Amino acid sequence: MNAILKLIRKRSGLQQSLTNIGWLGGDRIVRMLGAVLVGTAVARYLGPEQFGLLNYGTAIFAIFNIASGLGLELLVVREVALNPEKEPEILGTACILKGAASVVTTIAAVIAAWLLDPRNETLTIIVALLSTGAIAQAFDVVDYSFQAHTRSRFAVVPRNLVFIVGSIARVIGVLFHAGLLTFAWIAGGEYVFSGVGLLVSYSLYRQTKGRWKWRTTQAKLLLQEGWPLLVAGLMFMLYFRSDQVLLGKLSSKAVVGQYSAAIKLSEIWYAIPIVVCASVMPPILKAMESDKEKYYARLQRLYEGMVLLSVLVALGTQFAGPFFIRLLYGRDYSMAAGILAVHIWTGVFGFMGAVSSQQLVQEKLTMSSMQRTGIGAIVNLALNFALIPRWGGIGSAFATLIAQSIAFYFADALDKRTRHIFRMKTRAYMRFWLLPRMLFASSAD
């Protein structure tokens, strides 16, 4: 133990990464607890039908909202990490691009909600409230800067304060029997105040001085490299959220409520790869510049760690899931247990996908990212159309599981530029499945 502590003290980069993981991990724990305690209280209060309608609107919003990001996050993190002296123009340009895109996607999301269900005025208002509030996500570029400098604590603090206030507001809404739209107002308000909080934090703790600037040449560079990531993001959101939209159209809002309850317990675990990658990828990127052998060795260890974590999470949820569904959501959501038992295994591929998505950006293979996500989206949509009418929420969970396995694993084998990534993932899976046999053999000796 002392040897490990000495190693950490000697390596300032490792120490900084671990500190960053600690802050991001704390942020995710707070949000996980809030999602479980407050989210389930709201779900029980609203019931499957209204909770399903709220999540139906959220899914429509999310599909369009991903387009407002223009695929810039990983690019901005990379560019700021490698060119800190250009940070003001990178952030200024990215912020204006995201703001303009957000206005367009807000209008598009509201029109889509009205077209999907013209008689449901409440659905249109939910989408409008969420989309308008999310225009403030243009200031997420502040978070990208903190990620690049592995100083995520300065983004975590304001966001968590807003999240805690929003959670308290939801509890008050439940206690005072607020209407459905109240919870949409709260969610929209969280986006606005999070953006304001990030700006305040940046003005106090920014690493690089200088006013943000617009640079047309910088915008062209970001959009040129970012458009495949944008398309990939849209495709990803299509097969990540289209299941709820299709359930709402092909089944019922109550089934959407059951499905949403299940995936909220499944998707909270996706915080693990997000936290780890946000902290360790900038140092790994720098290693690529100087020592490619070290770069690939570190990535391989990261892939192996993701496999181990995802399988442990899936196995634990498989056994404990039904108990927690009953405990948290109550009898009205009993169908969610079966959906959760299937959906939790998407993490075995999703955890790996979080790492490889960043690897593709670092190795400038954004077109491959778009292609593999597009394949996954097509498969998911086709399977949802085929399985929902017969099996409802469980059919949709199977569709998502198969689509994720194709997008985040098998599709890498189809492109010669990404076959080395496929081999790295295969090696990680093989090493995990051989581990019990190796341990058994060593104990027998």
Protein backbone atom coordinates (compact mmCIF):
# COMPACT_ATOMS: atom_id res chain seq x y z
CA MET A 1 0.00 0.00 0.00
CA ASN A 2 2.84 2.38 0.90
CA ALA A 3 4.52 1.59 -2.43
CA ILE A 4 1.34 2.55 -4.30
CA LEU A 5 1.05 5.83 -2.37
CA LYS A 6 4.69 6.67 -3.09
CA LEU A 7 4.15 5.99 -6.80
CA ILE A 8 1.12 8.30 -6.86
CA ARG A 9 3.04 11.08 -5.09
CA LYS A 10 5.94 10.83 -7.57
CA ARG A 11 3.73 10.92 -10.66
CA SER A 12 1.96 14.29 -10.69
CA GLY A 13 -0.01 13.39 -13.85
CA LEU A 14 -1.38 10.25 -12.20
CA GLN A 15 -2.20 12.19 -9.05
CA GLN A 16 -4.08 14.81 -11.08
CA SER A 17 -6.02 12.13 -12.96
CA LEU A 18 -6.99 10.35 -9.74
CA THR A 19 -8.10 13.65 -8.19
CA ASN A 20 -10.18 14.36 -11.28
CA ILE A 21 -11.72 10.87 -11.11
CA GLY A 22 -12.55 11.54 -7.46
CA TRP A 23 -14.38 14.76 -8.27
CA LEU A 24 -16.22 13.32 -11.28
CA GLY A 25 -17.00 10.17 -9.31
CA GLY A 26 -18.45 12.25 -6.48
CA ASP A 27 -20.53 14.17 -9.01
CA ARG A 28 -21.92 10.96 -10.49
CA ILE A 29 -22.63 9.46 -7.06
CA VAL A 30 -24.64 12.54 -6.10
CA ARG A 31 -26.56 12.33 -9.38
CA MET A 32 -27.09 8.58 -9.06
CA LEU A 33 -28.49 8.97 -5.56
CA GLY A 34 -30.66 11.86 -6.72
CA ALA A 35 -31.89 9.89 -9.72
CA VAL A 36 -32.76 6.92 -7.53
CA LEU A 37 -34.30 8.72 -4.55
CA VAL A 38 -35.95 11.71 -6.23
CA GLY A 39 -36.55 10.14 -9.65
CA THR A 40 -38.38 7.17 -8.20
CA ALA A 41 -40.45 9.44 -5.95
CA VAL A 42 -41.56 11.35 -9.04
CA ALA A 43 -42.24 8.08 -10.90
CA ARG A 44 -44.40 6.72 -8.09
CA TYR A 45 -46.26 10.00 -7.76
CA LEU A 46 -46.99 10.41 -11.47
CA GLY A 47 -47.70 6.72 -12.18
CA PRO A 48 -46.65 4.80 -15.32
CA GLU A 49 -48.94 6.74 -17.69
CA GLN A 50 -47.87 10.31 -16.84
CA PHE A 51 -44.28 9.28 -16.09
CA GLY A 52 -44.24 7.65 -19.51
CA LEU A 53 -45.53 10.85 -21.14
CA LEU A 54 -42.79 12.89 -19.42
CA ASN A 55 -40.12 10.46 -20.62
CA TYR A 56 -41.67 10.30 -24.08
CA GLY A 57 -41.22 14.07 -24.35
CA THR A 58 -37.71 13.83 -22.89
CA ALA A 59 -36.75 11.22 -25.50
CA ILE A 60 -37.95 13.45 -28.37
CA PHE A 61 -36.03 16.38 -26.89
CA ALA A 62 -32.88 14.28 -26.40
CA ILE A 63 -32.77 13.10 -30.02
CA PHE A 64 -32.79 16.69 -31.30
CA ASN A 65 -30.67 18.08 -28.47
CA ILE A 66 -27.72 15.86 -29.41
CA ALA A 67 -27.56 17.71 -32.75
CA SER A 68 -27.01 21.03 -30.95
CA GLY A 69 -23.64 19.70 -29.74
CA LEU A 70 -22.41 19.46 -33.36
CA GLY A 71 -20.07 16.63 -32.33
CA LEU A 72 -17.72 19.19 -30.75
CA GLU A 73 -17.14 17.91 -27.21
CA LEU A 74 -14.28 15.47 -27.77
CA LEU A 75 -12.73 17.72 -30.41
CA VAL A 76 -12.72 20.77 -28.13
CA VAL A 77 -11.24 18.73 -25.27
CA ARG A 78 -8.51 17.45 -27.61
CA GLU A 79 -7.73 20.85 -29.13
CA VAL A 80 -7.57 22.66 -25.77
CA ALA A 81 -5.40 19.88 -24.29
CA LEU A 82 -2.93 20.10 -27.18
CA ASN A 83 -3.14 23.88 -27.84
CA PRO A 84 -3.88 25.66 -24.53
CA GLU A 85 -2.66 28.99 -25.94
CA LYS A 86 -5.59 28.95 -28.42
CA GLU A 87 -8.21 28.23 -25.76
CA PRO A 88 -10.08 31.61 -25.98
CA GLU A 89 -10.71 31.27 -29.72
CA ILE A 90 -11.52 27.53 -29.49
CA LEU A 91 -14.08 28.05 -26.70
CA GLY A 92 -15.54 31.26 -28.17
CA THR A 93 -16.03 29.70 -31.58
CA ALA A 94 -17.48 26.46 -30.18
CA CYS A 95 -19.89 28.37 -27.90
CA ILE A 96 -21.35 30.42 -30.77
CA LEU A 97 -21.66 27.33 -32.96
CA LYS A 98 -23.47 25.41 -30.21
CA GLY A 99 -25.76 28.35 -29.38
CA ALA A 100 -26.86 28.80 -33.00
CA ALA A 101 -27.41 25.05 -33.41
CA SER A 102 -29.47 24.95 -30.19
CA VAL A 103 -31.95 27.51 -31.50
CA VAL A 104 -32.46 25.49 -34.70
CA THR A 105 -32.87 22.17 -32.84
CA THR A 106 -35.34 23.73 -30.39
CA ILE A 107 -37.65 24.70 -33.24
CA ALA A 108 -37.21 21.30 -34.90
CA ALA A 109 -37.94 19.38 -31.66
CA VAL A 110 -41.18 21.29 -31.01
CA ILE A 111 -42.38 20.70 -34.59
CA ALA A 112 -41.51 16.98 -34.30
CA ALA A 113 -43.46 16.63 -31.02
CA TRP A 114 -46.52 18.23 -32.60
CA LEU A 115 -46.28 16.00 -35.69
CA LEU A 116 -45.90 12.81 -33.62
CA ASP A 117 -48.98 13.56 -31.49
CA PRO A 118 -50.94 16.63 -32.74
CA ARG A 119 -53.71 16.22 -30.16
CA ASN A 120 -51.38 16.06 -27.18
CA GLU A 121 -50.66 19.68 -26.27
CA THR A 122 -48.91 18.64 -23.04
CA LEU A 123 -46.29 16.67 -24.97
CA THR A 124 -45.47 19.69 -27.16
CA ILE A 125 -45.12 21.96 -24.11
CA ILE A 126 -42.80 19.46 -22.36
CA VAL A 127 -40.51 19.34 -25.40
CA ALA A 128 -40.61 23.15 -25.75
CA LEU A 129 -39.65 23.73 -22.10
CA LEU A 130 -36.76 21.27 -22.19
CA SER A 131 -35.43 22.43 -25.57
CA THR A 132 -35.59 26.15 -24.77
CA GLY A 133 -33.79 25.68 -21.45
CA ALA A 134 -31.14 23.55 -23.14
CA ILE A 135 -30.01 26.48 -25.32
CA ALA A 136 -27.87 27.36 -22.27
CA GLN A 137 -25.87 24.19 -22.97
CA ALA A 138 -23.81 26.33 -25.34
CA PHE A 139 -21.81 27.16 -22.21
CA ASP A 140 -20.88 23.50 -21.77
CA VAL A 141 -17.69 24.47 -23.58
CA VAL A 142 -16.52 25.57 -20.13
CA ASP A 143 -16.78 21.96 -18.99
CA TYR A 144 -14.76 20.85 -22.03
CA SER A 145 -11.99 23.24 -21.00
CA PHE A 146 -11.91 21.90 -17.45
CA GLN A 147 -11.81 18.34 -18.81
CA ALA A 148 -8.84 19.20 -21.02
CA HIS A 149 -6.94 20.54 -18.01
CA THR A 150 -8.16 17.64 -15.77
CA ARG A 151 -9.75 20.22 -13.44
CA SER A 152 -13.31 18.93 -13.57
CA ARG A 153 -14.01 19.89 -9.96
CA PHE A 154 -14.68 23.47 -11.16
CA ALA A 155 -17.51 22.19 -13.37
CA VAL A 156 -18.78 19.64 -10.82
CA VAL A 157 -19.48 22.16 -8.04
CA PRO A 158 -21.90 24.50 -9.90
CA ARG A 159 -23.64 21.61 -11.65
CA ASN A 160 -24.16 19.73 -8.42
CA LEU A 161 -25.54 22.81 -6.68
CA VAL A 162 -28.09 23.24 -9.46
CA PHE A 163 -28.88 19.51 -9.40
CA ILE A 164 -29.49 19.55 -5.63
CA VAL A 165 -31.76 22.60 -5.87
CA GLY A 166 -33.63 20.94 -8.77
CA SER A 167 -34.04 17.73 -6.75
CA ILE A 168 -35.44 19.67 -3.80
CA ALA A 169 -37.86 21.41 -6.18
CA ARG A 170 -39.05 18.02 -7.48
CA VAL A 171 -39.64 16.73 -3.95
CA ILE A 172 -41.65 19.87 -3.14
CA GLY A 173 -43.62 19.27 -6.34
CA VAL A 174 -44.47 15.73 -5.20
CA LEU A 175 -45.41 16.84 -1.68
CA PHE A 176 -47.69 19.63 -2.93
CA HIS A 177 -49.24 17.53 -5.71
CA ALA A 178 -47.85 19.59 -8.60
CA GLY A 179 -48.95 18.97 -12.19
CA LEU A 180 -46.90 17.14 -14.79
CA LEU A 181 -45.65 20.33 -16.46
CA THR A 182 -44.08 21.51 -13.20
CA PHE A 183 -41.44 18.79 -13.53
CA ALA A 184 -40.72 19.85 -17.12
CA TRP A 185 -40.27 23.46 -15.93
CA ILE A 186 -37.79 22.28 -13.29
CA ALA A 187 -35.77 20.27 -15.83
CA GLY A 188 -35.63 23.21 -18.25
CA GLY A 189 -34.57 25.54 -15.45
CA GLU A 190 -31.71 23.22 -14.49
CA TYR A 191 -30.18 23.61 -17.95
CA VAL A 192 -30.31 27.41 -17.69
CA PHE A 193 -28.80 27.67 -14.21
CA SER A 194 -26.14 25.05 -14.98
CA GLY A 195 -24.96 27.19 -17.89
CA VAL A 196 -24.83 30.30 -15.69
CA GLY A 197 -22.96 28.37 -12.99
CA LEU A 198 -20.34 27.13 -15.47
CA LEU A 199 -19.70 30.68 -16.71
CA VAL A 200 -19.21 31.95 -13.14
CA SER A 201 -16.85 29.07 -12.37
CA TYR A 202 -14.81 29.72 -15.53
CA SER A 203 -14.47 33.42 -14.75
CA LEU A 204 -13.06 32.51 -11.33
CA TYR A 205 -10.86 29.50 -12.14
CA ARG A 206 -9.97 29.60 -15.84
CA GLN A 207 -6.56 28.24 -16.74
CA THR A 208 -5.92 30.50 -19.75
CA LYS A 209 -6.54 34.25 -19.69
CA GLY A 210 -8.10 36.17 -22.56
CA ARG A 211 -11.53 36.93 -23.94
CA TRP A 212 -13.36 34.37 -26.01
CA LYS A 213 -13.15 35.09 -29.73
CA TRP A 214 -14.87 33.95 -32.88
CA ARG A 215 -12.53 32.57 -35.53
CA THR A 216 -14.01 31.56 -38.86
CA THR A 217 -11.01 29.36 -39.64
CA GLN A 218 -11.42 27.62 -36.27
CA ALA A 219 -15.13 27.11 -36.94
CA LYS A 220 -14.37 25.51 -40.31
CA LEU A 221 -11.83 23.16 -38.73
CA LEU A 222 -14.21 22.12 -35.94
CA LEU A 223 -17.15 21.58 -38.29
CA GLN A 224 -15.00 19.79 -40.86
CA GLU A 225 -13.83 17.20 -38.35
CA GLY A 226 -16.93 17.33 -36.18
CA TRP A 227 -19.69 16.56 -38.69
CA PRO A 228 -19.04 12.79 -38.70
CA LEU A 229 -19.17 12.87 -34.89
CA LEU A 230 -22.43 14.84 -35.10
CA VAL A 231 -23.95 12.22 -37.40
CA ALA A 232 -22.59 9.49 -35.12
CA GLY A 233 -24.10 11.26 -32.11
CA LEU A 234 -27.47 11.53 -33.85
CA MET A 235 -27.36 7.86 -34.78
CA PHE A 236 -26.34 6.96 -31.24
CA MET A 237 -29.21 8.96 -29.76
CA LEU A 238 -31.59 7.43 -32.29
CA TYR A 239 -30.90 3.94 -31.00
CA PHE A 240 -30.47 5.14 -27.43
CA ARG A 241 -33.78 7.01 -27.25
CA SER A 242 -35.80 5.89 -30.27
CA ASP A 243 -36.91 2.88 -28.25
CA GLN A 244 -38.96 5.15 -25.98
CA VAL A 245 -40.38 7.10 -28.92
CA LEU A 246 -41.33 3.89 -30.75
CA LEU A 247 -42.81 2.37 -27.59
CA GLY A 248 -44.96 5.49 -27.27
CA LYS A 249 -46.18 5.11 -30.85
CA LEU A 250 -46.40 1.31 -31.18
CA SER A 251 -47.41 0.43 -27.61
CA SER A 252 -48.57 2.86 -24.90
CA LYS A 253 -47.35 5.65 -22.61
CA ALA A 254 -47.68 3.26 -19.65
CA VAL A 255 -45.21 0.85 -21.27
CA VAL A 256 -42.89 3.81 -21.85
CA GLY A 257 -43.14 4.48 -18.10
CA GLN A 258 -42.22 0.88 -17.26
CA TYR A 259 -39.33 0.92 -19.72
CA SER A 260 -38.06 4.31 -18.49
CA ALA A 261 -38.05 3.11 -14.89
CA ALA A 262 -35.91 0.11 -15.87
CA ILE A 263 -33.36 1.94 -18.00
CA LYS A 264 -32.88 4.66 -15.38
CA LEU A 265 -31.48 1.96 -13.08
CA SER A 266 -29.45 0.53 -15.96
CA GLU A 267 -28.03 3.74 -17.41
CA ILE A 268 -26.84 5.23 -14.12
CA TRP A 269 -23.90 2.82 -14.40
CA TYR A 270 -22.79 4.49 -17.63
CA ALA A 271 -21.38 7.16 -15.34
CA ILE A 272 -18.42 4.86 -14.66
CA PRO A 273 -16.81 4.93 -18.14
CA ILE A 274 -17.68 8.61 -18.58
CA VAL A 275 -15.91 9.56 -15.34
CA VAL A 276 -12.87 7.38 -16.00
CA CYS A 277 -12.46 8.44 -19.65
CA ALA A 278 -12.86 12.15 -18.86
CA SER A 279 -9.98 11.86 -16.38
CA VAL A 280 -7.51 9.48 -18.02
CA MET A 281 -7.93 10.22 -21.72
CA PRO A 282 -6.13 13.62 -21.83
CA PRO A 283 -2.91 12.09 -20.36
CA ILE A 284 -3.25 9.07 -22.66
CA LEU A 285 -3.61 11.45 -25.62
CA LYS A 286 -0.32 13.11 -24.68
CA ALA A 287 1.33 9.68 -24.48
CA MET A 288 0.24 9.03 -28.08
CA GLU A 289 2.26 12.04 -29.20
CA SER A 290 5.48 10.78 -27.62
CA ASP A 291 5.24 6.99 -27.24
CA LYS A 292 2.65 5.00 -29.22
CA GLU A 293 3.56 1.73 -27.53
CA LYS A 294 2.75 3.22 -24.13
CA TYR A 295 -0.43 4.76 -25.57
CA TYR A 296 -1.78 1.39 -26.77
CA ALA A 297 -0.67 -0.40 -23.58
CA ARG A 298 -2.60 2.08 -21.43
CA LEU A 299 -5.65 1.81 -23.68
CA GLN A 300 -5.56 -1.98 -23.47
CA ARG A 301 -5.57 -1.84 -19.66
CA LEU A 302 -8.46 0.62 -19.80
CA TYR A 303 -10.49 -1.72 -22.05
CA GLU A 304 -9.84 -4.65 -19.71
CA GLY A 305 -10.93 -2.60 -16.71
CA MET A 306 -14.15 -1.62 -18.49
CA VAL A 307 -15.01 -5.28 -19.22
CA LEU A 308 -14.46 -6.27 -15.60
CA LEU A 309 -16.55 -3.41 -14.22
CA SER A 310 -19.42 -3.84 -16.70
CA VAL A 311 -19.79 -7.59 -16.09
CA LEU A 312 -19.72 -7.15 -12.31
CA VAL A 313 -22.41 -4.46 -12.57
CA ALA A 314 -24.56 -6.64 -14.85
CA LEU A 315 -24.32 -9.70 -12.61
CA GLY A 316 -25.10 -7.71 -9.47
CA THR A 317 -28.12 -6.05 -11.10
CA GLN A 318 -29.33 -9.39 -12.49
CA PHE A 319 -29.76 -10.73 -8.96
CA ALA A 320 -30.74 -7.56 -7.07
CA GLY A 321 -32.74 -5.78 -9.79
CA PRO A 322 -36.24 -7.21 -9.07
CA PHE A 323 -35.89 -6.37 -5.36
CA PHE A 324 -34.89 -2.77 -6.06
CA ILE A 325 -37.65 -2.29 -8.64
CA ARG A 326 -40.24 -3.33 -6.03
CA LEU A 327 -38.58 -1.28 -3.30
CA LEU A 328 -38.13 1.92 -5.28
CA TYR A 329 -41.02 1.99 -7.74
CA GLY A 330 -43.69 -0.21 -6.16
CA ARG A 331 -46.06 -2.78 -7.63
CA ASP A 332 -47.24 -0.52 -10.47
CA TYR A 333 -43.82 -0.94 -12.08
CA SER A 334 -43.46 -4.72 -11.73
CA MET A 335 -42.95 -5.14 -15.52
CA ALA A 336 -39.77 -3.05 -15.28
CA ALA A 337 -37.83 -5.90 -13.58
CA GLY A 338 -37.84 -8.08 -16.71
CA ILE A 339 -36.80 -5.14 -18.89
CA LEU A 340 -33.95 -4.28 -16.52
CA ALA A 341 -32.66 -7.89 -16.52
CA VAL A 342 -32.08 -7.61 -20.30
CA HIS A 343 -31.08 -3.95 -20.63
CA ILE A 344 -28.35 -4.05 -17.97
CA TRP A 345 -26.20 -6.23 -20.27
CA THR A 346 -25.94 -3.40 -22.81
CA GLY A 347 -23.25 -2.00 -20.50
CA VAL A 348 -20.87 -4.82 -21.43
CA PHE A 349 -20.65 -3.18 -24.85
CA GLY A 350 -21.48 0.40 -23.83
CA PHE A 351 -18.55 0.66 -21.40
CA MET A 352 -16.18 -0.39 -24.19
CA GLY A 353 -17.89 2.01 -26.58
CA ALA A 354 -17.18 4.96 -24.29
CA VAL A 355 -13.45 4.24 -24.53
CA SER A 356 -13.34 3.47 -28.26
CA SER A 357 -15.38 6.59 -29.12
CA GLN A 358 -12.61 8.72 -27.66
CA GLN A 359 -9.93 6.54 -29.25
CA LEU A 360 -11.51 7.10 -32.67
CA VAL A 361 -11.36 10.87 -32.16
CA GLN A 362 -7.76 10.75 -30.95
CA GLU A 363 -6.70 8.67 -33.96
CA LYS A 364 -8.75 10.91 -36.32
CA LEU A 365 -11.12 8.11 -37.37
CA THR A 366 -14.33 10.11 -36.98
CA MET A 367 -15.79 8.70 -40.21
CA SER A 368 -15.49 5.20 -38.76
CA SER A 369 -17.30 6.40 -35.64
CA MET A 370 -20.16 7.66 -37.79
CA GLN A 371 -20.33 4.44 -39.80
CA ARG A 372 -20.43 2.04 -36.85
CA THR A 373 -23.05 4.14 -35.04
CA GLY A 374 -25.13 4.32 -38.20
CA ILE A 375 -25.11 0.53 -38.48
CA GLY A 376 -26.20 0.25 -34.83
CA ALA A 377 -29.02 2.76 -35.33
CA ILE A 378 -30.41 0.96 -38.39
CA VAL A 379 -30.30 -2.40 -36.59
CA ASN A 380 -31.97 -0.95 -33.51
CA LEU A 381 -34.78 0.73 -35.42
CA ALA A 382 -35.47 -2.41 -37.48
CA LEU A 383 -35.49 -4.66 -34.39
CA ASN A 384 -37.70 -2.26 -32.42
CA PHE A 385 -40.27 -2.24 -35.22
CA ALA A 386 -40.14 -6.05 -35.31
CA LEU A 387 -40.12 -6.80 -31.56
CA ILE A 388 -42.20 -4.07 -29.86
CA PRO A 389 -45.61 -5.13 -31.26
CA ARG A 390 -45.13 -8.67 -29.90
CA TRP A 391 -42.97 -8.27 -26.76
CA GLY A 392 -43.32 -4.59 -25.82
CA GLY A 393 -40.66 -3.24 -23.45
CA ILE A 394 -38.65 -6.47 -23.21
CA GLY A 395 -38.49 -6.67 -27.02
CA SER A 396 -37.15 -3.11 -27.11
CA ALA A 397 -34.51 -3.98 -24.49
CA PHE A 398 -33.32 -6.93 -26.62
CA ALA A 399 -33.21 -4.65 -29.68
CA THR A 400 -30.96 -2.20 -27.81
CA LEU A 401 -28.67 -4.97 -26.53
CA ILE A 402 -28.14 -6.43 -30.03
CA ALA A 403 -27.65 -2.98 -31.57
CA GLN A 404 -25.04 -1.99 -28.97
CA SER A 405 -23.09 -5.22 -29.50
CA ILE A 406 -22.95 -4.50 -33.24
CA ALA A 407 -22.15 -0.77 -32.96
CA PHE A 408 -19.56 -0.97 -30.19
CA TYR A 409 -17.90 -4.28 -30.99
CA PHE A 410 -18.62 -6.21 -34.19
CA ALA A 411 -18.72 -3.14 -36.49
CA ASP A 412 -15.05 -2.43 -35.71
CA ALA A 413 -14.13 -5.66 -37.52
CA LEU A 414 -15.77 -4.45 -40.77
CA ASP A 415 -13.40 -1.51 -41.30
CA LYS A 416 -9.68 -2.19 -41.79
CA ARG A 417 -8.89 1.15 -40.10
CA THR A 418 -10.57 0.00 -36.87
CA ARG A 419 -9.63 -3.67 -36.81
CA HIS A 420 -6.85 -2.96 -34.33
CA ILE A 421 -9.56 -1.61 -32.00
CA PHE A 422 -11.62 -4.76 -32.56
CA ARG A 423 -8.58 -6.86 -31.65
CA MET A 424 -7.99 -4.80 -28.49
CA LYS A 425 -11.61 -5.30 -27.40
CA THR A 426 -11.49 -9.00 -28.22
CA ARG A 427 -8.31 -9.35 -26.17
CA ALA A 428 -10.03 -7.60 -23.26
CA TYR A 429 -13.08 -9.88 -23.45
CA MET A 430 -10.92 -13.00 -23.77
CA ARG A 431 -8.75 -12.07 -20.82
CA PHE A 432 -11.80 -11.53 -18.66
CA TRP A 433 -13.47 -14.83 -19.57
CA LEU A 434 -10.18 -16.72 -19.13
CA LEU A 435 -9.57 -15.15 -15.71
CA PRO A 436 -11.73 -17.65 -13.69
CA ARG A 437 -9.98 -20.59 -15.41
CA MET A 438 -6.55 -19.05 -14.70
CA LEU A 439 -7.45 -18.50 -11.04
CA PHE A 440 -8.81 -22.03 -10.71
CA ALA A 441 -5.65 -23.47 -12.29
CA SER A 442 -3.37 -21.47 -10.01
CA SER A 443 -5.33 -22.53 -6.91
CA ALA A 444 -5.14 -26.18 -8.02
CA ASP A 445 -1.37 -25.89 -8.27
